[in-house]
Amino acid sequence: MNIKTRIDPEVHEAAKIAAAKEGVSLTEYLRRLVEVDIEARNLTKEGNSLSNQGAANGDSNRIY
């Protein structure tokens, strides 16, 4: 899956620096941040907290 988003240039630069400090790509850094946040909110499939509100319009992968 690919995701496109826009962030402020300052945030983008800070994220690139943080990724470099961890020795990973910006993409990997952002993927890890999202994964950690989802786990912290207990929104994993195992936690059964994923929303299926999008299922009616065919978008069952969307989290609200």
N, C-alpha and C. Protein backbone atom coordinates (compact mmCIF):
# COMPACT_ATOMS: atom_id res chain seq x y z
N MET A 1 0.84 -1.16 0.00
CA MET A 1 0.00 0.00 0.00
C MET A 1 0.89 1.23 0.00
N ASN A 2 0.52 2.21 -0.76
CA ASN A 2 1.22 3.48 -0.78
C ASN A 2 0.32 4.56 -0.22
N ILE A 3 0.92 5.48 0.52
CA ILE A 3 0.18 6.59 1.10
C ILE A 3 0.90 7.87 0.74
N LYS A 4 0.15 8.87 0.31
CA LYS A 4 0.73 10.19 0.05
C LYS A 4 0.15 11.16 1.05
N THR A 5 1.00 12.00 1.59
CA THR A 5 0.55 13.03 2.52
C THR A 5 1.48 14.22 2.42
N ARG A 6 1.02 15.36 2.87
CA ARG A 6 1.83 16.56 2.88
C ARG A 6 2.09 16.97 4.32
N ILE A 7 3.33 17.34 4.59
CA ILE A 7 3.67 17.86 5.91
C ILE A 7 4.49 19.13 5.71
N ASP A 8 4.52 19.95 6.73
CA ASP A 8 5.29 21.19 6.66
C ASP A 8 6.76 20.87 6.37
N PRO A 9 7.42 21.73 5.61
CA PRO A 9 8.84 21.50 5.29
C PRO A 9 9.72 21.33 6.53
N GLU A 10 9.41 22.06 7.59
CA GLU A 10 10.20 21.96 8.81
C GLU A 10 10.04 20.59 9.45
N VAL A 11 8.83 20.07 9.45
CA VAL A 11 8.56 18.74 10.01
C VAL A 11 9.23 17.68 9.14
N HIS A 12 9.15 17.86 7.84
CA HIS A 12 9.79 16.92 6.92
C HIS A 12 11.29 16.85 7.17
N GLU A 13 11.92 18.00 7.29
CA GLU A 13 13.37 18.03 7.53
C GLU A 13 13.72 17.40 8.88
N ALA A 14 12.93 17.69 9.90
CA ALA A 14 13.17 17.11 11.22
C ALA A 14 13.01 15.59 11.18
N ALA A 15 12.03 15.11 10.45
CA ALA A 15 11.82 13.67 10.33
C ALA A 15 12.97 13.01 9.58
N LYS A 16 13.48 13.67 8.54
CA LYS A 16 14.63 13.13 7.81
C LYS A 16 15.85 13.02 8.72
N ILE A 17 16.05 14.03 9.55
CA ILE A 17 17.18 14.02 10.48
C ILE A 17 17.01 12.90 11.51
N ALA A 18 15.81 12.77 12.05
CA ALA A 18 15.54 11.72 13.03
C ALA A 18 15.75 10.34 12.41
N ALA A 19 15.30 10.16 11.17
CA ALA A 19 15.48 8.88 10.47
C ALA A 19 16.96 8.58 10.28
N ALA A 20 17.72 9.59 9.88
CA ALA A 20 19.15 9.41 9.67
C ALA A 20 19.85 9.03 10.98
N LYS A 21 19.43 9.66 12.07
CA LYS A 21 20.03 9.34 13.37
C LYS A 21 19.76 7.89 13.77
N GLU A 22 18.61 7.36 13.33
CA GLU A 22 18.28 5.96 13.63
C GLU A 22 18.83 5.01 12.58
N GLY A 23 19.40 5.57 11.53
CA GLY A 23 19.99 4.74 10.48
C GLY A 23 18.99 4.06 9.58
N VAL A 24 17.82 4.68 9.42
CA VAL A 24 16.78 4.11 8.56
C VAL A 24 16.32 5.16 7.56
N SER A 25 15.60 4.72 6.56
CA SER A 25 15.04 5.65 5.58
C SER A 25 13.90 6.44 6.20
N LEU A 26 13.56 7.54 5.57
CA LEU A 26 12.42 8.33 6.04
C LEU A 26 11.16 7.49 6.00
N THR A 27 10.98 6.71 4.95
CA THR A 27 9.80 5.84 4.84
C THR A 27 9.73 4.86 6.00
N GLU A 28 10.85 4.22 6.31
CA GLU A 28 10.88 3.26 7.41
C GLU A 28 10.62 3.95 8.74
N TYR A 29 11.19 5.12 8.93
CA TYR A 29 10.99 5.89 10.16
C TYR A 29 9.50 6.20 10.36
N LEU A 30 8.85 6.68 9.30
CA LEU A 30 7.43 7.02 9.39
C LEU A 30 6.58 5.76 9.60
N ARG A 31 6.94 4.67 8.92
CA ARG A 31 6.20 3.41 9.10
C ARG A 31 6.25 2.96 10.55
N ARG A 32 7.44 3.07 11.15
CA ARG A 32 7.59 2.68 12.56
C ARG A 32 6.78 3.57 13.48
N LEU A 33 6.77 4.87 13.21
CA LEU A 33 5.98 5.78 14.04
C LEU A 33 4.50 5.43 14.00
N VAL A 34 3.99 5.16 12.82
CA VAL A 34 2.58 4.80 12.70
C VAL A 34 2.31 3.49 13.41
N GLU A 35 3.18 2.52 13.21
CA GLU A 35 3.00 1.22 13.85
C GLU A 35 2.98 1.34 15.38
N VAL A 36 3.90 2.09 15.93
CA VAL A 36 3.96 2.28 17.39
C VAL A 36 2.70 2.98 17.89
N ASP A 37 2.23 3.98 17.16
CA ASP A 37 1.03 4.70 17.57
C ASP A 37 -0.19 3.79 17.54
N ILE A 38 -0.32 3.00 16.49
CA ILE A 38 -1.46 2.08 16.38
C ILE A 38 -1.43 1.07 17.52
N GLU A 39 -0.26 0.52 17.80
CA GLU A 39 -0.14 -0.44 18.90
C GLU A 39 -0.46 0.21 20.24
N ALA A 40 0.00 1.45 20.45
CA ALA A 40 -0.24 2.15 21.71
C ALA A 40 -1.73 2.42 21.91
N ARG A 41 -2.43 2.62 20.82
CA ARG A 41 -3.88 2.87 20.90
C ARG A 41 -4.69 1.59 20.87
N ASN A 42 -3.98 0.46 20.83
CA ASN A 42 -4.61 -0.86 20.78
C ASN A 42 -5.56 -0.96 19.59
N LEU A 43 -5.09 -0.51 18.43
CA LEU A 43 -5.90 -0.55 17.22
C LEU A 43 -5.46 -1.64 16.25
N THR A 44 -4.70 -2.60 16.75
CA THR A 44 -4.27 -3.70 15.89
C THR A 44 -5.44 -4.66 15.69
N LYS A 45 -5.36 -5.48 14.67
CA LYS A 45 -6.42 -6.47 14.43
C LYS A 45 -6.60 -7.37 15.64
N GLU A 46 -5.49 -7.67 16.32
CA GLU A 46 -5.57 -8.53 17.48
C GLU A 46 -6.35 -7.86 18.61
N GLY A 47 -6.30 -6.51 18.66
CA GLY A 47 -7.02 -5.78 19.69
C GLY A 47 -8.48 -5.59 19.37
N ASN A 48 -8.89 -5.97 18.15
CA ASN A 48 -10.28 -5.88 17.71
C ASN A 48 -10.85 -4.49 17.84
N SER A 49 -10.01 -3.45 17.76
CA SER A 49 -10.51 -2.10 17.85
C SER A 49 -10.51 -1.38 16.51
N LEU A 50 -10.19 -2.10 15.42
CA LEU A 50 -10.23 -1.48 14.11
C LEU A 50 -11.68 -1.17 13.75
N SER A 51 -11.90 -0.01 13.19
CA SER A 51 -13.24 0.38 12.80
C SER A 51 -13.59 -0.19 11.44
N ASN A 52 -14.79 -0.63 11.25
CA ASN A 52 -15.26 -1.10 9.95
C ASN A 52 -16.29 -0.14 9.38
N GLN A 53 -16.28 1.10 9.81
CA GLN A 53 -17.26 2.07 9.34
C GLN A 53 -17.16 2.26 7.84
N GLY A 54 -16.02 2.03 7.25
CA GLY A 54 -15.86 2.22 5.82
C GLY A 54 -16.37 1.06 5.00
N ALA A 55 -16.77 -0.04 5.62
CA ALA A 55 -17.17 -1.24 4.90
C ALA A 55 -18.39 -1.00 4.03
N ALA A 56 -19.29 -0.13 4.44
CA ALA A 56 -20.50 0.11 3.67
C ALA A 56 -20.20 0.73 2.31
N ASN A 57 -19.14 1.51 2.21
CA ASN A 57 -18.82 2.12 0.93
C ASN A 57 -17.66 1.41 0.25
N GLY A 58 -17.33 0.21 0.70
CA GLY A 58 -16.28 -0.57 0.06
C GLY A 58 -14.87 -0.23 0.50
N ASP A 59 -14.73 0.63 1.49
CA ASP A 59 -13.41 1.04 1.95
C ASP A 59 -13.16 0.46 3.33
N SER A 60 -13.04 -0.85 3.40
CA SER A 60 -12.91 -1.52 4.70
C SER A 60 -11.54 -1.35 5.33
N ASN A 61 -10.56 -0.78 4.60
CA ASN A 61 -9.21 -0.60 5.16
C ASN A 61 -9.04 0.75 5.82
N ARG A 62 -10.02 1.59 5.79
CA ARG A 62 -9.88 2.92 6.35
C ARG A 62 -10.14 2.89 7.85
N ILE A 63 -9.28 3.54 8.61
CA ILE A 63 -9.43 3.66 10.07
C ILE A 63 -9.93 5.06 10.36
N TYR A 64 -11.00 5.15 11.12
CA TYR A 64 -11.59 6.44 11.46
C TYR A 64 -11.30 6.81 12.89
